[in-house]
Amino acid sequence: MSERGAWRWARGAGLVLGAIVLLAARIAGAQMLLVPMDDEQRNHLKAYGLVYNALKDGQKAEWLLNYRGGAFFLPDLPELRRRAALVGVSVEQEDAGSVDAIRREIASGNMDAVPLEKAPKVAIYTPPNSPPWDDAVTLALTYAGIEFAKIWDDQVLDGELSKYDWVHLFHEDFTGQQNKLYLGYRDAPWFIEQRQRALATAQKYNIPGGVPGVKKAVAERIRQYVENGGFLFAMCGATESLDLAIAGKDVDFAGPQVDGSPPDPDADRKFNWSRSFAFKDAHVEGPFVNALSDIDGHQVNVPGRRQPLGTFALFAFAAKFDPVATMLVQDHRNVINDFYGVTTSFTKATLKPGVTVLASEEGAPWVKYIHGDYGKGSWTFLGGHDPEDPQHAIGNAPTDLALHPTSPGYRLILNNVLFPAAKKKPLKT
């Protein structure tokens, strides 16, 4: 063989070898880790943390809506396999052929594959010294291994909400009535501390109206945050009280527990419901009724009104046409046991037109889980306090999520943490 011929042969062989290497790399690149979210998953809650932290590390993911309980695709990387094994999350290695088959199945049915591109920055609005009850979202994020910042009134009033993509509200009463806890706990040290802290904030920022004035000012900043593009999630009494405070910015919520004044008999007429997120035409209760309004359907703390718990069903949405609502209801159970809270449910009569109902109890005059857009952002409200402790009371020990790693109720919380990762529009400040 001539020198030129040998060179041509070597060059050709090199090209063939290079093509084989390139093809092998492409095939390897098509391999994926499937994170199942059906009953094959050993730890649904930590699976959300696995996906979140992969996004945080710069990896891409896909949320496979309505496929195997809302499964995820992650790149098949050794470090992700090791991390999954370490935290007890079930994963399945899928080769290129299996990945293609899954994609064809998703394309042919009521399913969709939504890219997740960036881990949202998360904050929880929670008091510096927590009251004697826990917060389900704090428990969920901590157990899942999802990092979050803690913020309170000072940070909100200083304009720091714009630092975060997703904000959860601790069970605060934004009307300033402290969830009517003065009826039974007015002499408790933690209650006194809460009130004194809010009064100090009012003085610091020169806000009139005492505790209600501070909380309404904070509620207004939260409203602006959502209007400007933020994602808001709230549970329990924060849902109802936030809308009351926003719509009732001219209503005196103080009552005799603060300044000795009688309740305002014309309070219901002073609300501007065009400003609220979810509710309209609510009736506000007086200061000595242990409920804020008739928004809550279960009235758990009012003798003679308390309604029994049932179950609620998640709505089935068209994944390709309504991906946001579909993301929010991904679960391995369609029917979930209900659980009480200061606000357990939302009466249908008080829902604004256009609110998306995500879950409700069949035949009941209330719903459990709702969502809507507001300005450039969105909000999601889930009634109840703790999905794994239906009767949770003040002073009870926090729920140990290691005992509930597959909790379908806690999954609803964690759906809310991840869905902003699928939104490509930037947070406007």
Protein backbone atom coordinates (compact mmCIF):
# COMPACT_ATOMS: atom_id res chain seq x y z
CA MET A 1 0.00 0.00 0.00
CA SER A 2 1.36 3.40 -0.95
CA GLU A 3 2.01 6.02 1.66
CA ARG A 4 -0.89 8.04 0.29
CA GLY A 5 -3.15 4.97 0.34
CA ALA A 6 -2.17 4.15 3.87
CA TRP A 7 -2.91 7.69 4.92
CA ARG A 8 -6.32 7.55 3.23
CA TRP A 9 -7.09 4.25 4.95
CA ALA A 10 -6.04 5.55 8.33
CA ARG A 11 -8.01 8.72 7.77
CA GLY A 12 -11.08 6.75 6.76
CA ALA A 13 -10.74 4.41 9.69
CA GLY A 14 -10.37 7.40 11.96
CA LEU A 15 -13.52 8.97 10.58
CA VAL A 16 -15.44 5.73 11.06
CA LEU A 17 -14.12 5.39 14.60
CA GLY A 18 -14.96 9.02 15.30
CA ALA A 19 -18.47 8.49 14.00
CA ILE A 20 -18.88 5.44 16.21
CA VAL A 21 -17.67 7.39 19.25
CA LEU A 22 -20.00 10.27 18.40
CA LEU A 23 -22.95 7.91 17.96
CA ALA A 24 -22.15 6.21 21.26
CA ALA A 25 -21.99 9.60 22.95
CA ARG A 26 -25.36 10.55 21.50
CA ILE A 27 -26.89 7.28 22.63
CA ALA A 28 -25.43 7.74 26.11
CA GLY A 29 -26.71 11.30 26.11
CA ALA A 30 -30.23 10.02 25.37
CA GLN A 31 -30.20 7.82 28.46
CA MET A 32 -32.28 9.30 31.27
CA LEU A 33 -33.13 8.70 34.89
CA LEU A 34 -36.85 8.27 35.35
CA VAL A 35 -38.05 9.31 38.80
CA PRO A 36 -41.38 7.46 39.12
CA MET A 37 -44.07 9.13 41.21
CA ASP A 38 -46.59 6.30 41.31
CA ASP A 39 -46.63 3.52 43.90
CA GLU A 40 -43.20 2.35 42.75
CA GLN A 41 -41.69 5.43 44.40
CA ARG A 42 -40.32 4.78 47.90
CA ASN A 43 -40.09 8.44 48.93
CA HIS A 44 -42.26 10.86 46.98
CA LEU A 45 -41.38 13.85 49.15
CA LYS A 46 -37.61 13.55 48.83
CA ALA A 47 -38.04 13.01 45.08
CA TYR A 48 -39.03 16.67 44.81
CA GLY A 49 -35.83 17.60 46.60
CA LEU A 50 -33.81 15.44 44.21
CA VAL A 51 -35.28 17.29 41.22
CA TYR A 52 -35.00 20.72 42.84
CA ASN A 53 -31.34 20.25 43.71
CA ALA A 54 -30.55 18.92 40.25
CA LEU A 55 -31.98 22.15 38.84
CA LYS A 56 -30.04 24.15 41.41
CA ASP A 57 -26.83 22.43 40.24
CA GLY A 58 -27.51 23.52 36.66
CA GLN A 59 -29.07 20.31 35.32
CA LYS A 60 -32.27 20.27 33.29
CA ALA A 61 -35.32 18.18 34.13
CA GLU A 62 -38.70 17.35 32.68
CA TRP A 63 -41.99 16.92 34.50
CA LEU A 64 -43.98 14.13 32.89
CA LEU A 65 -47.52 15.28 33.64
CA ASN A 66 -50.11 12.55 34.20
CA TYR A 67 -47.48 9.89 33.52
CA ARG A 68 -46.85 7.51 36.43
CA GLY A 69 -48.15 9.92 39.03
CA GLY A 70 -46.29 12.92 37.63
CA ALA A 71 -42.85 11.37 37.09
CA PHE A 72 -39.67 13.27 36.28
CA PHE A 73 -36.87 12.84 33.76
CA LEU A 74 -33.36 13.71 34.92
CA PRO A 75 -30.05 13.22 33.10
CA ASP A 76 -28.52 9.84 33.85
CA LEU A 77 -25.51 11.07 35.78
CA PRO A 78 -23.54 9.10 38.40
CA GLU A 79 -23.86 11.89 40.96
CA LEU A 80 -27.65 11.95 40.60
CA ARG A 81 -27.84 8.16 40.96
CA ARG A 82 -25.70 8.39 44.10
CA ARG A 83 -27.81 11.22 45.51
CA ALA A 84 -31.03 9.31 44.86
CA ALA A 85 -29.67 6.22 46.60
CA LEU A 86 -28.49 8.31 49.55
CA VAL A 87 -31.92 9.87 50.20
CA GLY A 88 -33.93 6.75 49.36
CA VAL A 89 -35.56 7.97 46.15
CA SER A 90 -36.46 5.34 43.55
CA VAL A 91 -35.05 5.94 40.07
CA GLU A 92 -35.07 3.87 36.89
CA GLN A 93 -32.39 4.01 34.20
CA GLU A 94 -33.95 4.31 30.76
CA ASP A 95 -31.98 3.77 27.56
CA ALA A 96 -32.63 5.70 24.36
CA GLY A 97 -35.25 3.23 23.14
CA SER A 98 -37.17 3.33 26.41
CA VAL A 99 -37.04 7.13 26.50
CA ASP A 100 -38.43 7.31 22.97
CA ALA A 101 -41.23 4.85 23.89
CA ILE A 102 -42.17 6.94 26.92
CA ARG A 103 -42.24 10.09 24.81
CA ARG A 104 -44.50 8.43 22.24
CA GLU A 105 -46.86 7.28 24.99
CA ILE A 106 -46.99 10.78 26.45
CA ALA A 107 -47.65 12.33 23.04
CA SER A 108 -50.57 9.98 22.39
CA GLY A 109 -52.57 10.60 25.56
CA ASN A 110 -53.62 13.17 28.17
CA MET A 111 -50.02 13.69 29.22
CA ASP A 112 -47.27 16.19 28.56
CA ALA A 113 -43.53 16.65 29.17
CA VAL A 114 -42.79 20.07 30.63
CA PRO A 115 -39.17 21.28 30.81
CA LEU A 116 -37.97 22.48 34.21
CA GLU A 117 -35.11 24.87 33.77
CA LYS A 118 -34.21 26.71 36.97
CA ALA A 119 -34.70 26.12 40.67
CA PRO A 120 -36.92 28.91 42.03
CA LYS A 121 -35.71 31.03 44.94
CA VAL A 122 -37.99 30.18 47.84
CA ALA A 123 -38.97 32.14 50.95
CA ILE A 124 -41.30 31.37 53.83
CA TYR A 125 -43.02 34.23 55.63
CA THR A 126 -42.67 32.96 59.19
CA PRO A 127 -42.21 34.68 62.57
CA PRO A 128 -38.72 34.85 64.11
CA ASN A 129 -39.92 32.95 67.18
CA SER A 130 -42.55 30.52 65.98
CA PRO A 131 -45.78 30.11 67.96
CA PRO A 132 -46.51 26.71 69.54
CA TRP A 133 -47.59 25.07 66.29
CA ASP A 134 -45.70 23.94 63.22
CA ASP A 135 -46.02 24.84 59.55
CA ALA A 136 -46.58 22.07 57.01
CA VAL A 137 -44.65 23.82 54.24
CA THR A 138 -41.60 24.37 56.46
CA LEU A 139 -41.74 20.68 57.39
CA ALA A 140 -42.11 19.63 53.75
CA LEU A 141 -39.25 21.73 52.41
CA THR A 142 -36.93 20.75 55.25
CA TYR A 143 -37.65 17.04 54.84
CA ALA A 144 -37.33 17.18 51.04
CA GLY A 145 -34.01 19.02 51.27
CA ILE A 146 -35.17 22.18 49.46
CA GLU A 147 -33.46 25.33 50.66
CA PHE A 148 -35.49 28.39 51.64
CA ALA A 149 -35.08 31.75 53.30
CA LYS A 150 -37.13 32.96 56.25
CA ILE A 151 -38.68 36.42 56.05
CA TRP A 152 -41.02 38.40 58.28
CA ASP A 153 -42.69 41.80 58.43
CA ASP A 154 -39.50 43.87 58.37
CA GLN A 155 -38.19 42.15 55.25
CA VAL A 156 -41.54 42.49 53.48
CA LEU A 157 -41.88 46.17 54.37
CA ASP A 158 -38.28 46.75 53.27
CA GLY A 159 -39.14 45.45 49.77
CA GLU A 160 -37.27 42.15 49.92
CA LEU A 161 -40.06 40.01 48.44
CA SER A 162 -38.75 40.76 44.96
CA LYS A 163 -35.67 38.63 45.71
CA TYR A 164 -37.78 35.48 45.59
CA ASP A 165 -39.66 33.59 42.88
CA TRP A 166 -41.95 31.69 45.25
CA VAL A 167 -43.24 32.75 48.66
CA HIS A 168 -45.23 30.74 51.17
CA LEU A 169 -47.24 32.35 53.94
CA PHE A 170 -47.08 30.91 57.44
CA HIS A 171 -50.50 30.73 59.11
CA GLU A 172 -50.61 34.43 59.88
CA ASP A 173 -53.80 36.46 60.33
CA PHE A 174 -53.35 39.48 58.06
CA THR A 175 -56.40 41.21 59.53
CA GLY A 176 -54.35 41.70 62.71
CA GLN A 177 -56.74 39.74 64.92
CA GLN A 178 -54.17 36.97 65.50
CA ASN A 179 -56.66 34.30 64.42
CA LYS A 180 -58.93 35.24 67.35
CA LEU A 181 -56.47 33.52 69.67
CA TYR A 182 -57.06 36.27 72.23
CA LEU A 183 -60.30 34.40 73.04
CA GLY A 184 -58.32 31.60 74.69
CA TYR A 185 -54.67 32.60 74.82
CA ARG A 186 -54.52 36.33 75.57
CA ASP A 187 -52.33 35.73 78.64
CA ALA A 188 -50.00 33.20 77.00
CA PRO A 189 -46.39 34.50 76.79
CA TRP A 190 -46.09 33.61 73.10
CA PHE A 191 -49.29 35.50 72.28
CA ILE A 192 -48.14 38.58 74.17
CA GLU A 193 -44.75 38.39 72.44
CA GLN A 194 -46.41 38.24 69.00
CA ARG A 195 -48.53 41.28 69.71
CA GLN A 196 -45.65 43.29 71.18
CA ARG A 197 -43.46 42.46 68.18
CA ALA A 198 -46.12 43.70 65.76
CA LEU A 199 -46.65 46.89 67.77
CA ALA A 200 -42.89 47.52 67.70
CA THR A 201 -42.98 47.12 63.91
CA ALA A 202 -45.82 49.62 63.68
CA GLN A 203 -43.74 52.13 65.63
CA LYS A 204 -40.58 51.43 63.62
CA TYR A 205 -42.29 52.04 60.27
CA ASN A 206 -44.67 54.72 61.55
CA ILE A 207 -47.72 52.68 60.53
CA PRO A 208 -51.02 53.79 62.11
CA GLY A 209 -53.61 51.30 63.34
CA GLY A 210 -51.47 49.09 65.58
CA VAL A 211 -51.32 45.36 64.78
CA PRO A 212 -54.07 45.45 62.10
CA GLY A 213 -52.31 48.40 60.45
CA VAL A 214 -49.03 46.50 60.22
CA LYS A 215 -50.62 43.34 58.87
CA LYS A 216 -52.65 45.20 56.25
CA ALA A 217 -49.49 47.01 55.13
CA VAL A 218 -47.71 43.65 54.78
CA ALA A 219 -50.71 42.19 52.93
CA GLU A 220 -50.57 45.07 50.45
CA ARG A 221 -46.88 44.40 49.77
CA ILE A 222 -47.72 40.73 49.16
CA ARG A 223 -50.49 41.75 46.76
CA GLN A 224 -48.02 43.92 44.85
CA TYR A 225 -45.49 41.08 44.78
CA VAL A 226 -47.96 38.79 43.02
CA GLU A 227 -49.19 41.55 40.73
CA ASN A 228 -45.58 42.15 39.64
CA GLY A 229 -44.94 38.51 38.76
CA GLY A 230 -44.40 36.53 41.98
CA PHE A 231 -45.74 33.09 42.81
CA LEU A 232 -47.63 32.86 46.11
CA PHE A 233 -48.70 29.78 48.07
CA ALA A 234 -50.74 29.92 51.27
CA MET A 235 -52.46 27.45 53.55
CA CYS A 236 -54.89 27.53 56.46
CA GLY A 237 -55.85 30.92 57.89
CA ALA A 238 -53.36 32.87 55.76
CA THR A 239 -55.54 32.23 52.70
CA GLU A 240 -58.72 33.76 54.06
CA SER A 241 -57.15 36.50 56.15
CA LEU A 242 -54.90 37.74 53.33
CA ASP A 243 -57.84 38.41 51.01
CA LEU A 244 -59.84 39.99 53.82
CA ALA A 245 -56.96 42.33 54.60
CA ILE A 246 -56.40 43.25 50.94
CA ALA A 247 -60.05 43.84 50.11
CA GLY A 248 -60.76 45.40 53.51
CA LYS A 249 -57.95 47.91 53.62
CA ASP A 250 -60.48 50.52 54.87
CA VAL A 251 -62.12 48.19 57.40
CA ASP A 252 -61.36 48.43 61.13
CA PHE A 253 -60.49 44.87 62.15
CA ALA A 254 -59.18 45.92 65.56
CA GLY A 255 -62.26 45.42 67.71
CA PRO A 256 -62.35 45.52 71.49
CA GLN A 257 -59.36 43.18 71.94
CA VAL A 258 -57.07 45.98 70.73
CA ASP A 259 -58.56 49.40 71.47
CA GLY A 260 -61.92 48.86 73.19
CA SER A 261 -63.96 49.90 70.14
CA PRO A 262 -67.07 47.95 69.10
CA PRO A 263 -67.11 45.97 65.85
CA ASP A 264 -67.95 47.94 62.73
CA PRO A 265 -71.59 47.17 61.79
CA ASP A 266 -70.99 48.34 58.22
CA ALA A 267 -67.77 46.37 57.69
CA ASP A 268 -69.19 44.11 54.96
CA ARG A 269 -70.04 47.11 52.78
CA LYS A 270 -66.54 48.59 52.99
CA PHE A 271 -64.71 45.79 51.17
CA ASN A 272 -63.32 46.33 47.68
CA TRP A 273 -63.32 42.80 46.30
CA SER A 274 -61.82 43.89 42.98
CA ARG A 275 -58.45 43.97 44.81
CA SER A 276 -58.64 40.44 46.26
CA PHE A 277 -57.13 37.26 44.85
CA ALA A 278 -59.79 34.60 45.33
CA PHE A 279 -62.83 35.71 47.29
CA LYS A 280 -65.78 38.08 47.11
CA ASP A 281 -68.85 39.12 49.10
CA ALA A 282 -67.72 37.52 52.35
CA HIS A 283 -69.41 38.28 55.66
CA VAL A 284 -66.95 39.30 58.38
CA GLU A 285 -67.52 37.85 61.83
CA GLY A 286 -67.50 39.94 65.01
CA PRO A 287 -64.57 39.88 67.45
CA PHE A 288 -66.10 37.27 69.76
CA VAL A 289 -66.89 34.64 67.09
CA ASN A 290 -63.92 32.31 66.66
CA ALA A 291 -63.84 32.55 62.86
CA LEU A 292 -62.82 35.33 60.51
CA SER A 293 -65.65 35.12 57.97
CA ASP A 294 -67.95 32.79 56.07
CA ILE A 295 -65.22 32.03 53.50
CA ASP A 296 -64.28 28.93 55.51
CA GLY A 297 -66.82 26.18 55.06
CA HIS A 298 -65.91 24.02 58.06
CA GLN A 299 -65.83 26.62 60.89
CA VAL A 300 -63.87 24.21 63.07
CA ASN A 301 -63.53 26.55 66.06
CA VAL A 302 -67.15 27.74 66.24
CA PRO A 303 -69.44 25.61 68.45
CA GLY A 304 -72.54 24.52 66.57
CA ARG A 305 -71.04 25.30 63.16
CA ARG A 306 -68.22 22.77 62.90
CA GLN A 307 -68.58 20.52 59.87
CA PRO A 308 -67.20 16.95 59.75
CA LEU A 309 -64.24 16.02 57.60
CA GLY A 310 -64.67 13.96 54.47
CA THR A 311 -62.42 13.41 51.50
CA PHE A 312 -61.56 15.66 48.59
CA ALA A 313 -60.87 14.71 44.99
CA LEU A 314 -58.28 16.25 42.70
CA PHE A 315 -59.58 17.46 39.35
CA ALA A 316 -58.23 15.88 36.18
CA PHE A 317 -56.98 18.56 33.79
CA ALA A 318 -55.92 18.37 30.16
CA ALA A 319 -52.14 18.34 30.47
CA LYS A 320 -51.43 19.75 27.02
CA PHE A 321 -53.92 22.61 27.33
CA ASP A 322 -53.77 23.46 31.04
CA PRO A 323 -50.27 22.49 32.19
CA VAL A 324 -50.15 24.75 35.28
CA ALA A 325 -53.30 23.32 36.86
CA THR A 326 -52.12 19.84 35.87
CA MET A 327 -48.77 20.37 37.61
CA LEU A 328 -50.49 21.50 40.80
CA VAL A 329 -52.54 18.29 41.10
CA GLN A 330 -49.90 15.68 40.23
CA ASP A 331 -50.26 12.86 42.72
CA HIS A 332 -50.40 9.10 43.11
CA ARG A 333 -53.83 9.40 44.73
CA ASN A 334 -56.85 11.17 43.28
CA VAL A 335 -58.86 11.16 46.52
CA ILE A 336 -57.26 12.44 49.73
CA ASN A 337 -58.47 12.53 53.32
CA ASP A 338 -59.41 16.04 54.44
CA PHE A 339 -57.76 17.87 57.35
CA TYR A 340 -58.81 20.77 59.56
CA GLY A 341 -57.25 24.20 59.89
CA VAL A 342 -58.21 27.68 61.03
CA THR A 343 -59.47 27.86 57.45
CA THR A 344 -60.21 24.33 56.26
CA SER A 345 -62.09 24.98 53.02
CA PHE A 346 -63.47 27.74 50.80
CA THR A 347 -67.20 28.16 50.27
CA LYS A 348 -68.23 28.17 46.62
CA ALA A 349 -70.48 31.19 47.17
CA THR A 350 -67.48 33.37 48.04
CA LEU A 351 -65.24 32.36 45.11
CA LYS A 352 -64.59 35.02 42.49
CA PRO A 353 -65.35 34.22 38.84
CA GLY A 354 -62.34 32.80 37.07
CA VAL A 355 -60.88 31.00 40.09
CA THR A 356 -59.61 27.53 39.11
CA VAL A 357 -60.84 24.83 41.48
CA LEU A 358 -58.16 22.16 41.84
CA ALA A 359 -59.89 19.92 44.39
CA SER A 360 -63.27 19.70 46.09
CA GLU A 361 -65.52 17.41 48.10
CA GLU A 362 -68.34 15.85 46.12
CA GLY A 363 -71.70 17.38 46.99
CA ALA A 364 -70.25 19.88 49.46
CA PRO A 365 -70.78 23.67 49.31
CA TRP A 366 -67.02 24.20 49.63
CA VAL A 367 -63.80 23.45 47.78
CA LYS A 368 -60.34 22.60 49.14
CA TYR A 369 -57.66 23.74 46.72
CA ILE A 370 -57.77 26.73 44.34
CA HIS A 371 -55.51 28.68 42.00
CA GLY A 372 -55.58 31.82 39.90
CA ASP A 373 -53.59 34.43 38.04
CA TYR A 374 -53.24 37.97 39.35
CA GLY A 375 -51.47 40.60 37.33
CA LYS A 376 -48.23 39.05 36.08
CA GLY A 377 -48.09 36.43 38.84
CA SER A 378 -50.25 33.73 40.36
CA TRP A 379 -51.47 32.43 43.71
CA THR A 380 -52.50 29.02 45.05
CA PHE A 381 -54.50 28.43 48.24
CA LEU A 382 -54.82 25.08 50.05
CA GLY A 383 -57.17 24.82 53.02
CA GLY A 384 -56.22 23.07 56.24
CA HIS A 385 -53.16 22.96 58.49
CA ASP A 386 -51.39 19.58 58.21
CA PRO A 387 -52.24 16.90 55.63
CA GLU A 388 -51.10 14.09 57.95
CA ASP A 389 -52.66 15.40 61.18
CA PRO A 390 -56.34 16.13 60.55
CA GLN A 391 -57.06 17.31 64.11
CA HIS A 392 -53.77 19.16 64.73
CA ALA A 393 -54.05 21.42 67.78
CA ILE A 394 -51.89 24.08 69.41
CA GLY A 395 -49.07 22.45 71.34
CA ASN A 396 -49.10 19.16 69.39
CA ALA A 397 -45.73 17.79 68.30
CA PRO A 398 -44.74 18.48 64.69
CA THR A 399 -45.51 15.76 62.17
CA ASP A 400 -42.53 13.48 61.50
CA LEU A 401 -42.46 13.20 57.72
CA ALA A 402 -40.04 10.29 57.92
CA LEU A 403 -43.19 8.37 58.90
CA HIS A 404 -45.09 9.71 55.86
CA PRO A 405 -42.62 9.72 52.93
CA THR A 406 -45.37 8.96 50.42
CA SER A 407 -47.94 11.44 51.74
CA PRO A 408 -50.32 12.47 48.91
CA GLY A 409 -51.39 15.59 50.84
CA TYR A 410 -47.84 16.83 51.31
CA ARG A 411 -47.23 16.22 47.61
CA LEU A 412 -49.67 19.02 46.83
CA ILE A 413 -47.45 21.42 48.76
CA LEU A 414 -44.32 20.32 46.91
CA ASN A 415 -46.01 20.55 43.50
CA ASN A 416 -46.30 24.25 44.22
CA VAL A 417 -42.57 24.60 44.90
CA LEU A 418 -41.58 23.08 41.56
CA PHE A 419 -44.12 24.48 39.15
CA PRO A 420 -42.51 27.96 38.94
CA ALA A 421 -39.42 26.21 37.51
CA ALA A 422 -41.48 25.59 34.37
CA LYS A 423 -42.37 29.26 33.93
CA LYS A 424 -40.03 31.02 31.56
CA LYS A 425 -41.16 34.58 32.25
CA PRO A 426 -38.81 36.44 34.61
CA LEU A 427 -39.95 37.88 37.93
CA LYS A 428 -40.72 41.57 37.44
CA THR A 429 -39.73 43.88 40.26
